[in-house]
């Protein structure tokens, strides 16, 4: 696995442009299967997940041209063919499950091995997708170790209603891709509303879908006879935006982040403020000024810890929580971080402690970080979690001396040209195989 060597103590300065959102491009790319007309996508990040979906689409017969320099992808799915024996879904990737509804729409039948995805895309996570598909008219059977899906006699999805147990991003995206061409109206309650889900809604509407409720927890979709072609730009990665801003604040540098999604960032910016970081917008550019004082701002309820609480959007995003934990190690004071999403979200905290951070795990969902202590470079073993690995990198940037981060390759799953972008704002780092 890739190893990252980071020299700490550098002030980061400059202007940077974030990549396209990893979690937007994957469902949008899968959704192009719903139309036979040409689709042009802009701001497409060159990451492993996209590469794998592109390879699957090529095997299906997609006419596809990807200009990585201009970040433009042109695709036309006019002449597709599907042979389950030859075409395998990219197991372990988020895109695998997102292909199910579009493939069903095009080929009417689909067979999946029951072991699809193992621990990453295990049957527990597939259940909400299958329940959505059943609600929209799909016949699902387990036969000889395979999960067989069929659109039945109608040959198409049928409008229906469903109410989720919890806000699931990929299940909401499955609902959208299945319902846009269904006969009749479909309604989803307790829908996910993250920026990447909104991107998929905007893309589908751009090519002829009729989706109401984008950005809310109730989605209403009026099925249409077919979708057209069109152009669409993937929005910036809000997690990467937060990364650059936090790095500027931690190192005392001035960072300008272009295309910084002011419509999605108010809660994130206010959370920065809890740690003493002031961020201002000049149009679509977010700016953190040089040499700001990092200090936890106490609230009026003086006998309670300052808290950063993560839950499904529009709460504070769980994926940005590790970045704030890294920032908190440099802010004088203490902060309680609460992740309501995942029980295993903090198992990487001992790696923070290796750098000299003072962190106490209260339970699987909550940790307290005491900031303002000096950090010192060391050898770290990164977890297979993108944002946790990024958080360790952020701490290494401000630590004294050199830090060696083993298994850091997960970073490039979401951040194309990571090292090059960091070097452009003054960081000193390199990959070592």
Protein backbone atom coordinates (compact mmCIF):
# COMPACT_ATOMS: atom_id res chain seq x y z
CA UNK A 1 0.00 0.00 0.00
CA UNK A 2 1.07 3.57 -0.65
CA UNK A 3 3.06 5.38 1.99
CA UNK A 4 2.95 9.16 2.41
CA UNK A 5 5.90 11.10 3.82
CA UNK A 6 4.95 14.50 5.22
CA UNK A 7 7.32 17.21 6.45
CA UNK A 8 5.57 19.29 9.07
CA UNK A 9 5.86 22.94 10.04
CA UNK A 10 5.04 24.58 6.70
CA UNK A 11 2.57 27.46 6.43
CA UNK A 12 0.17 26.74 3.57
CA UNK A 13 -0.77 29.69 1.36
CA UNK A 14 -2.47 30.22 -1.97
CA UNK A 15 -5.49 29.55 -4.12
CA UNK A 16 -6.86 26.09 -4.85
CA UNK A 17 -9.76 24.57 -6.77
CA UNK A 18 -11.51 21.50 -5.31
CA UNK A 19 -12.21 18.38 -7.34
CA UNK A 20 -15.61 17.22 -8.49
CA UNK A 21 -17.59 15.38 -5.83
CA UNK A 22 -16.72 11.66 -5.79
CA UNK A 23 -20.15 10.80 -4.42
CA UNK A 24 -21.89 12.81 -7.16
CA UNK A 25 -20.14 11.51 -10.23
CA UNK A 26 -20.70 7.80 -9.46
CA UNK A 27 -24.55 7.87 -9.41
CA UNK A 28 -24.68 10.41 -12.25
CA UNK A 29 -22.45 8.19 -14.38
CA UNK A 30 -24.64 5.16 -13.62
CA UNK A 31 -27.77 7.18 -14.41
CA UNK A 32 -26.54 7.87 -17.96
CA UNK A 33 -27.65 4.28 -18.70
CA UNK A 34 -31.24 5.55 -18.49
CA UNK A 35 -30.96 7.45 -21.77
CA UNK A 36 -29.82 6.48 -25.26
CA UNK A 37 -28.87 10.05 -26.13
CA UNK A 38 -25.49 11.76 -25.70
CA UNK A 39 -24.57 13.09 -22.26
CA UNK A 40 -21.65 15.45 -21.56
CA UNK A 41 -20.33 15.61 -18.00
CA UNK A 42 -17.93 18.29 -16.74
CA UNK A 43 -15.68 18.47 -13.66
CA UNK A 44 -15.26 14.68 -13.61
CA UNK A 45 -12.59 13.62 -11.08
CA UNK A 46 -10.03 11.02 -12.16
CA UNK A 47 -10.45 8.58 -9.28
CA UNK A 48 -10.53 4.80 -8.96
CA UNK A 49 -14.30 4.55 -8.51
CA UNK A 50 -14.94 6.45 -11.75
CA UNK A 51 -12.33 4.39 -13.58
CA UNK A 52 -14.05 1.16 -12.56
CA UNK A 53 -17.52 2.31 -13.58
CA UNK A 54 -16.14 3.56 -16.90
CA UNK A 55 -14.65 0.11 -17.56
CA UNK A 56 -18.01 -1.56 -16.82
CA UNK A 57 -19.82 0.86 -19.14
CA UNK A 58 -17.33 0.18 -21.93
CA UNK A 59 -17.93 -3.57 -21.56
CA UNK A 60 -21.65 -2.88 -21.83
CA UNK A 61 -21.04 -1.13 -25.16
CA UNK A 62 -21.04 2.51 -24.12
CA UNK A 63 -19.50 4.92 -26.60
CA UNK A 64 -17.38 6.87 -24.15
CA UNK A 65 -14.67 9.53 -24.41
CA UNK A 66 -13.00 10.83 -21.25
CA UNK A 67 -10.66 13.81 -21.52
CA UNK A 68 -8.95 13.76 -18.15
CA UNK A 69 -7.08 17.00 -18.82
CA UNK A 70 -10.27 19.00 -19.32
CA UNK A 71 -12.19 16.80 -16.82
CA UNK A 72 -14.88 16.18 -19.45
CA UNK A 73 -16.59 12.89 -20.15
CA UNK A 74 -18.83 12.34 -23.19
CA UNK A 75 -20.99 9.22 -23.19
CA UNK A 76 -23.66 7.75 -25.45
CA UNK A 77 -25.43 4.56 -24.41
CA UNK A 78 -27.26 3.84 -27.64
CA UNK A 79 -26.05 0.31 -28.34
CA UNK A 80 -25.75 -1.63 -25.12
CA UNK A 81 -25.48 -5.35 -24.51
CA UNK A 82 -25.39 -7.27 -21.25
CA UNK A 83 -24.05 -10.75 -20.56
CA UNK A 84 -23.94 -11.61 -16.82
CA UNK A 85 -21.23 -14.19 -17.47
CA UNK A 86 -18.89 -11.57 -18.95
CA UNK A 87 -19.84 -8.36 -17.17
CA UNK A 88 -19.14 -8.21 -13.43
CA UNK A 89 -20.17 -5.37 -11.20
CA UNK A 90 -17.15 -3.67 -9.54
CA UNK A 91 -17.49 -5.39 -6.17
CA UNK A 92 -16.58 -3.30 -3.18
CA UNK A 93 -17.29 -0.04 -4.98
CA UNK A 94 -20.24 2.25 -4.24
CA UNK A 95 -21.03 2.25 -7.96
CA UNK A 96 -21.81 -1.48 -7.97
CA UNK A 97 -25.15 -1.17 -6.19
CA UNK A 98 -25.96 2.03 -8.11
CA UNK A 99 -25.87 0.10 -11.38
CA UNK A 100 -28.75 -2.19 -10.39
CA UNK A 101 -31.71 0.10 -11.18
CA UNK A 102 -30.30 1.47 -14.48
CA UNK A 103 -29.32 -2.01 -15.70
CA UNK A 104 -32.79 -3.30 -14.85
CA UNK A 105 -34.31 -0.39 -16.73
CA UNK A 106 -32.32 -1.25 -19.86
CA UNK A 107 -32.22 -5.07 -19.76
CA UNK A 108 -35.37 -5.94 -17.72
CA UNK A 109 -33.57 -8.79 -15.91
CA UNK A 110 -30.49 -8.91 -13.69
CA UNK A 111 -28.72 -11.65 -11.76
CA UNK A 112 -26.41 -10.91 -8.83
CA UNK A 113 -24.26 -13.33 -6.87
CA UNK A 114 -25.48 -13.43 -3.28
CA UNK A 115 -22.00 -12.58 -1.97
CA UNK A 116 -21.86 -9.25 -3.81
CA UNK A 117 -19.67 -6.79 -2.01
CA UNK A 118 -18.86 -8.79 1.12
CA UNK A 119 -18.55 -6.57 4.15
CA UNK A 120 -18.67 -3.36 2.10
CA UNK A 121 -21.82 -4.08 0.09
CA UNK A 122 -23.16 -6.92 2.18
CA UNK A 123 -26.75 -8.14 2.17
CA UNK A 124 -27.59 -5.90 5.13
CA UNK A 125 -26.90 -2.81 3.05
CA UNK A 126 -28.57 -4.22 -0.05
CA UNK A 127 -31.88 -4.85 1.71
CA UNK A 128 -33.10 -1.20 1.49
CA UNK A 129 -32.34 -1.23 -2.25
CA UNK A 130 -34.30 -4.44 -2.78
CA UNK A 131 -37.22 -3.12 -0.72
CA UNK A 132 -37.32 0.04 -2.85
CA UNK A 133 -37.21 -2.02 -6.04
CA UNK A 134 -40.03 -4.29 -4.81
CA UNK A 135 -42.12 -1.22 -4.04
CA UNK A 136 -41.63 -0.13 -7.66
CA UNK A 137 -42.70 -3.42 -9.19
CA UNK A 138 -39.53 -5.54 -9.32
CA UNK A 139 -39.77 -9.28 -8.76
CA UNK A 140 -36.84 -10.52 -6.63
CA UNK A 141 -35.97 -14.18 -5.97
CA UNK A 142 -33.09 -16.07 -4.42
CA UNK A 143 -32.17 -19.04 -6.63
CA UNK A 144 -29.07 -21.27 -6.35
CA UNK A 145 -26.96 -18.64 -4.65
CA UNK A 146 -28.02 -15.86 -7.00
CA UNK A 147 -30.33 -12.89 -6.48
CA UNK A 148 -32.49 -12.69 -9.60
CA UNK A 149 -34.34 -9.46 -10.38
CA UNK A 150 -36.97 -8.99 -13.06
CA UNK A 151 -39.35 -6.26 -14.14
CA UNK A 152 -41.98 -8.91 -14.87
CA UNK A 153 -44.83 -8.72 -17.35
CA UNK A 154 -44.96 -4.93 -17.53
CA UNK A 155 -41.34 -4.68 -18.62
CA UNK A 156 -40.94 -1.47 -16.64
CA UNK A 157 -40.95 0.05 -13.16
CA UNK A 158 -44.34 0.86 -11.61
CA UNK A 159 -44.90 3.99 -9.53
CA UNK A 160 -45.13 3.39 -5.79
CA UNK A 161 -44.48 4.82 -2.34
CA UNK A 162 -41.96 3.96 0.34
CA UNK A 163 -40.90 5.30 3.76
CA UNK A 164 -37.28 4.63 4.75
CA UNK A 165 -36.26 3.43 8.22
CA UNK A 166 -33.31 5.82 7.98
CA UNK A 167 -31.88 8.29 5.49
CA UNK A 168 -29.79 6.17 3.12
CA UNK A 169 -27.90 7.98 0.36
CA UNK A 170 -27.43 5.12 -2.08
CA UNK A 171 -30.94 3.74 -1.49
CA UNK A 172 -32.39 7.19 -2.22
CA UNK A 173 -30.35 7.27 -5.42
CA UNK A 174 -31.68 3.81 -6.37
CA UNK A 175 -35.22 5.11 -5.85
CA UNK A 176 -34.54 8.10 -8.09
CA UNK A 177 -33.08 6.05 -10.93
CA UNK A 178 -35.88 3.49 -10.76
CA UNK A 179 -38.76 5.97 -10.47
CA UNK A 180 -37.92 8.58 -13.12
CA UNK A 181 -39.09 6.30 -15.96
CA UNK A 182 -41.72 4.38 -13.98
CA UNK A 183 -45.37 4.42 -14.94
CA UNK A 184 -47.20 6.84 -12.65
CA UNK A 185 -46.07 8.79 -9.59
CA UNK A 186 -43.64 7.64 -6.89
CA UNK A 187 -43.09 9.12 -3.43
CA UNK A 188 -40.19 8.55 -1.03
CA UNK A 189 -40.32 9.64 2.60
CA UNK A 190 -37.26 10.07 4.83
CA UNK A 191 -35.11 10.52 1.73
CA UNK A 192 -31.44 11.46 1.98
CA UNK A 193 -30.68 15.02 0.87
CA UNK A 194 -26.87 15.33 0.77
CA UNK A 195 -25.33 17.61 -1.90
CA UNK A 196 -24.46 14.55 -4.02
CA UNK A 197 -28.08 13.34 -3.88
CA UNK A 198 -29.15 16.82 -4.97
CA UNK A 199 -26.65 16.60 -7.83
CA UNK A 200 -28.31 13.41 -9.07
CA UNK A 201 -31.75 15.05 -8.87
CA UNK A 202 -30.55 18.09 -10.83
CA UNK A 203 -28.90 15.89 -13.46
CA UNK A 204 -31.98 13.72 -13.96
CA UNK A 205 -34.22 16.79 -14.22
CA UNK A 206 -31.78 18.27 -16.74
CA UNK A 207 -32.30 15.26 -19.03
CA UNK A 208 -36.08 15.19 -18.76
CA UNK A 209 -37.08 13.73 -15.38
CA UNK A 210 -39.78 15.29 -13.18
CA UNK A 211 -38.49 15.28 -9.60
CA UNK A 212 -39.94 17.54 -6.92
CA UNK A 213 -38.56 18.04 -3.42
CA UNK A 214 -34.83 18.15 -4.18
CA UNK A 215 -32.92 18.96 -0.99
CA UNK A 216 -35.73 17.79 1.29
CA UNK A 217 -36.74 14.54 2.97
CA UNK A 218 -39.80 13.94 0.74
CA UNK A 219 -39.21 13.25 -2.94
CA UNK A 220 -42.03 13.06 -5.45
CA UNK A 221 -41.28 11.72 -8.92
CA UNK A 222 -43.65 11.71 -11.88
CA UNK A 223 -42.51 8.99 -14.25
CA UNK A 224 -41.81 9.99 -17.85
CA UNK A 225 -41.72 7.93 -21.03
CA UNK A 226 -38.01 8.43 -21.57
CA UNK A 227 -35.03 10.67 -20.87
CA UNK A 228 -33.02 12.83 -23.27
CA UNK A 229 -29.37 13.88 -23.49
CA UNK A 230 -27.72 17.01 -22.14
CA UNK A 231 -24.78 18.60 -20.33
CA UNK A 232 -24.15 18.66 -16.60
CA UNK A 233 -21.37 19.86 -14.30
CA UNK A 234 -20.52 17.84 -11.20
CA UNK A 235 -20.39 20.13 -8.16
CA UNK A 236 -17.29 20.58 -6.04
CA UNK A 237 -16.52 18.18 -3.21
CA UNK A 238 -17.68 19.97 -0.05
CA UNK A 239 -15.43 17.70 2.03
CA UNK A 240 -12.38 18.78 0.06
CA UNK A 241 -13.39 22.41 0.46
CA UNK A 242 -13.45 21.93 4.25
CA UNK A 243 -10.04 20.20 4.10
CA UNK A 244 -8.30 23.16 2.43
CA UNK A 245 -9.92 25.70 4.75
CA UNK A 246 -8.94 23.70 7.84
CA UNK A 247 -5.35 23.34 6.57
CA UNK A 248 -5.09 27.09 6.13
CA UNK A 249 -6.36 27.71 9.66
CA UNK A 250 -4.16 25.02 11.23
CA UNK A 251 -0.94 26.26 9.60
CA UNK A 252 -1.68 29.97 10.01
CA UNK A 253 -1.81 30.50 6.26
CA UNK A 254 -4.20 32.31 3.95
CA UNK A 255 -6.11 29.90 1.70
CA UNK A 256 -8.63 30.78 -1.00
CA UNK A 257 -10.88 27.94 -2.16
CA UNK A 258 -12.62 28.56 -5.47
CA UNK A 259 -16.02 27.13 -6.41
CA UNK A 260 -16.69 26.62 -2.70
CA UNK A 261 -20.47 26.00 -2.73
CA UNK A 262 -21.73 28.83 -0.47
CA UNK A 263 -25.25 27.34 -0.67
CA UNK A 264 -24.15 24.14 1.07
CA UNK A 265 -21.61 25.42 3.60
CA UNK A 266 -23.32 27.66 6.25
CA UNK A 267 -23.42 24.98 8.98
CA UNK A 268 -19.86 23.86 8.20
CA UNK A 269 -18.64 27.47 8.32
CA UNK A 270 -20.44 28.07 11.61
CA UNK A 271 -18.78 24.93 13.02
CA UNK A 272 -15.39 26.31 12.00
CA UNK A 273 -16.35 29.34 14.06
CA UNK A 274 -16.70 27.18 17.17
CA UNK A 275 -12.96 26.57 16.91
CA UNK A 276 -12.12 30.23 16.38
CA UNK A 277 -11.81 30.08 12.58
CA UNK A 278 -13.41 32.88 10.61
CA UNK A 279 -14.21 32.07 6.99
CA UNK A 280 -15.58 34.65 4.56
CA UNK A 281 -16.94 34.35 1.04
CA UNK A 282 -16.07 36.53 -1.93
CA UNK A 283 -18.70 35.35 -4.38
CA UNK A 284 -18.12 31.60 -4.72
CA UNK A 285 -14.63 31.76 -3.20
CA UNK A 286 -14.15 30.88 0.47
CA UNK A 287 -11.25 32.55 2.29
CA UNK A 288 -9.52 31.80 5.58
CA UNK A 289 -7.19 34.62 6.59
CA UNK A 290 -3.60 34.35 7.76
CA UNK A 291 -2.55 33.97 11.42
CA UNK A 292 -6.00 33.58 12.94
CA UNK A 293 -6.21 32.60 16.61
CA UNK A 294 -7.43 29.04 17.12
CA UNK A 295 -9.42 28.96 20.34
CA UNK A 296 -12.59 27.07 21.22
CA UNK A 297 -15.41 29.55 21.69
CA UNK A 298 -17.48 28.81 24.76
CA UNK A 299 -21.23 29.12 24.55
CA UNK A 300 -23.64 30.78 26.98
CA UNK A 301 -24.18 27.42 28.68
CA UNK A 302 -20.74 27.65 30.26
CA UNK A 303 -20.86 24.32 32.12
CA UNK A 304 -21.26 22.22 28.96
CA UNK A 305 -18.60 21.18 26.47
CA UNK A 306 -18.66 22.73 23.03
CA UNK A 307 -20.09 20.01 20.78
CA UNK A 308 -19.85 19.10 17.10
CA UNK A 309 -22.61 16.64 16.30
CA UNK A 310 -22.71 14.69 13.02
CA UNK A 311 -25.76 12.99 11.52
CA UNK A 312 -27.38 12.68 8.05
CA UNK A 313 -27.69 15.92 6.06
CA UNK A 314 -28.76 18.63 6.78
CA UNK A 315 -26.95 17.92 10.06
CA UNK A 316 -23.20 18.42 10.16
CA UNK A 317 -21.71 15.88 7.69
CA UNK A 318 -20.16 12.78 9.26
CA UNK A 319 -17.41 12.73 6.64
CA UNK A 320 -16.20 16.18 7.69
CA UNK A 321 -16.10 15.29 11.41
CA UNK A 322 -12.55 13.79 11.26
CA UNK A 323 -11.30 16.99 9.61
CA UNK A 324 -12.71 19.05 12.47
CA UNK A 325 -11.12 16.68 14.98
CA UNK A 326 -7.75 17.34 13.35
CA UNK A 327 -8.39 21.10 13.46
CA UNK A 328 -9.41 20.85 17.12
CA UNK A 329 -5.97 19.51 18.07
CA UNK A 330 -4.62 23.02 17.31
CA UNK A 331 -7.42 25.03 18.97
CA UNK A 332 -6.98 25.91 22.64
CA UNK A 333 -9.81 24.34 24.61
CA UNK A 334 -11.80 21.14 24.47
CA UNK A 335 -14.52 19.90 22.10
CA UNK A 336 -16.88 16.93 22.21
CA UNK A 337 -17.30 15.19 18.83
CA UNK A 338 -20.37 13.01 18.41
CA UNK A 339 -20.84 10.73 15.40
CA UNK A 340 -24.38 9.37 15.35
CA UNK A 341 -23.83 7.44 12.11
CA UNK A 342 -21.19 4.78 12.64
CA UNK A 343 -20.13 2.74 15.67
CA UNK A 344 -16.64 2.20 14.27
CA UNK A 345 -16.04 5.81 13.29
CA UNK A 346 -13.35 6.49 15.90
CA UNK A 347 -11.23 3.33 15.97
CA UNK A 348 -8.39 5.34 14.37
CA UNK A 349 -8.13 7.76 17.33
CA UNK A 350 -5.00 5.99 18.74
CA UNK A 351 -3.15 7.19 15.62
CA UNK A 352 -3.97 10.78 16.61
CA UNK A 353 -2.53 10.13 20.04
CA UNK A 354 0.76 8.93 18.49
CA UNK A 355 1.25 12.45 17.16
CA UNK A 356 0.84 13.91 20.65
CA UNK A 357 -2.86 14.78 20.57
CA UNK A 358 -4.90 14.48 23.76
CA UNK A 359 -8.04 12.56 22.81
CA UNK A 360 -10.33 10.47 25.00
CA UNK A 361 -12.92 8.08 23.58
CA UNK A 362 -16.05 8.26 25.72
CA UNK A 363 -17.90 5.48 23.85
CA UNK A 364 -18.12 4.23 20.22
CA UNK A 365 -19.88 7.43 19.16
CA UNK A 366 -18.21 10.22 21.15
CA UNK A 367 -14.70 11.55 21.73
CA UNK A 368 -13.29 14.62 23.46
CA UNK A 369 -10.33 16.45 21.95
CA UNK A 370 -8.17 18.80 24.03
CA UNK A 371 -6.36 21.19 21.70
CA UNK A 372 -3.39 23.52 21.74
CA UNK A 373 -0.75 20.88 22.50
CA UNK A 374 2.40 20.48 20.38
CA UNK A 375 2.36 17.66 17.83
CA UNK A 376 5.42 15.67 16.83
CA UNK A 377 6.01 13.62 13.68
CA UNK A 378 5.92 9.85 13.95
CA UNK A 379 4.95 6.69 12.07
CA UNK A 380 1.21 6.22 11.55
CA UNK A 381 -0.95 3.40 10.21
CA UNK A 382 -3.89 4.93 8.39
CA UNK A 383 -7.31 3.23 8.49
CA UNK A 384 -9.17 2.32 5.26
CA UNK A 385 -11.30 5.48 5.69
CA UNK A 386 -10.68 8.39 3.33
CA UNK A 387 -11.45 11.30 5.67
CA UNK A 388 -9.75 9.76 8.70
CA UNK A 389 -6.59 9.35 6.63
CA UNK A 390 -6.90 12.95 5.43
CA UNK A 391 -7.30 14.06 9.06
CA UNK A 392 -4.07 12.28 10.03
CA UNK A 393 -2.34 13.98 7.10
CA UNK A 394 -3.63 17.37 8.29
CA UNK A 395 -2.14 16.77 11.74
CA UNK A 396 1.15 15.67 10.16
CA UNK A 397 1.31 19.00 8.29
CA UNK A 398 1.47 20.91 11.59
CA UNK A 399 3.53 18.34 13.53
CA UNK A 400 7.23 19.02 14.17
CA UNK A 401 9.47 16.93 11.92
CA UNK A 402 8.56 14.17 9.49
CA UNK A 403 5.54 11.88 9.65
CA UNK A 404 5.28 8.59 7.80
CA UNK A 405 1.68 7.57 7.02
CA UNK A 406 1.39 3.93 6.00
CA UNK A 407 -1.60 2.70 3.97
CA UNK A 408 -2.46 6.26 2.93
CA UNK A 409 -3.66 5.23 -0.53
CA UNK A 410 -7.32 5.68 0.39
CA UNK A 411 -6.81 9.44 -0.03
CA UNK A 412 -6.60 9.13 -3.82
CA UNK A 413 -10.01 7.42 -3.89
CA UNK A 414 -11.51 10.90 -3.48
CA UNK A 415 -8.67 13.36 -4.14
CA UNK A 416 -7.13 13.24 -7.63
CA UNK A 417 -3.71 14.92 -7.85
CA UNK A 418 -3.64 15.18 -4.06
CA UNK A 419 0.11 15.67 -3.69
CA UNK A 420 0.30 18.11 -6.58
CA UNK A 421 -2.48 20.29 -5.14
CA UNK A 422 -0.92 20.28 -1.67
CA UNK A 423 2.52 21.19 -3.05
CA UNK A 424 0.91 24.08 -4.96
CA UNK A 425 -0.09 25.71 -1.65
CA UNK A 426 3.26 25.06 0.06
CA UNK A 427 3.05 21.60 1.58
CA UNK A 428 6.04 19.26 1.56
CA UNK A 429 5.02 15.64 0.97
CA UNK A 430 5.57 12.71 -1.38
CA UNK A 431 4.36 9.20 -2.10
CA UNK A 432 6.71 6.32 -1.36
CA UNK A 433 5.81 2.83 -2.56
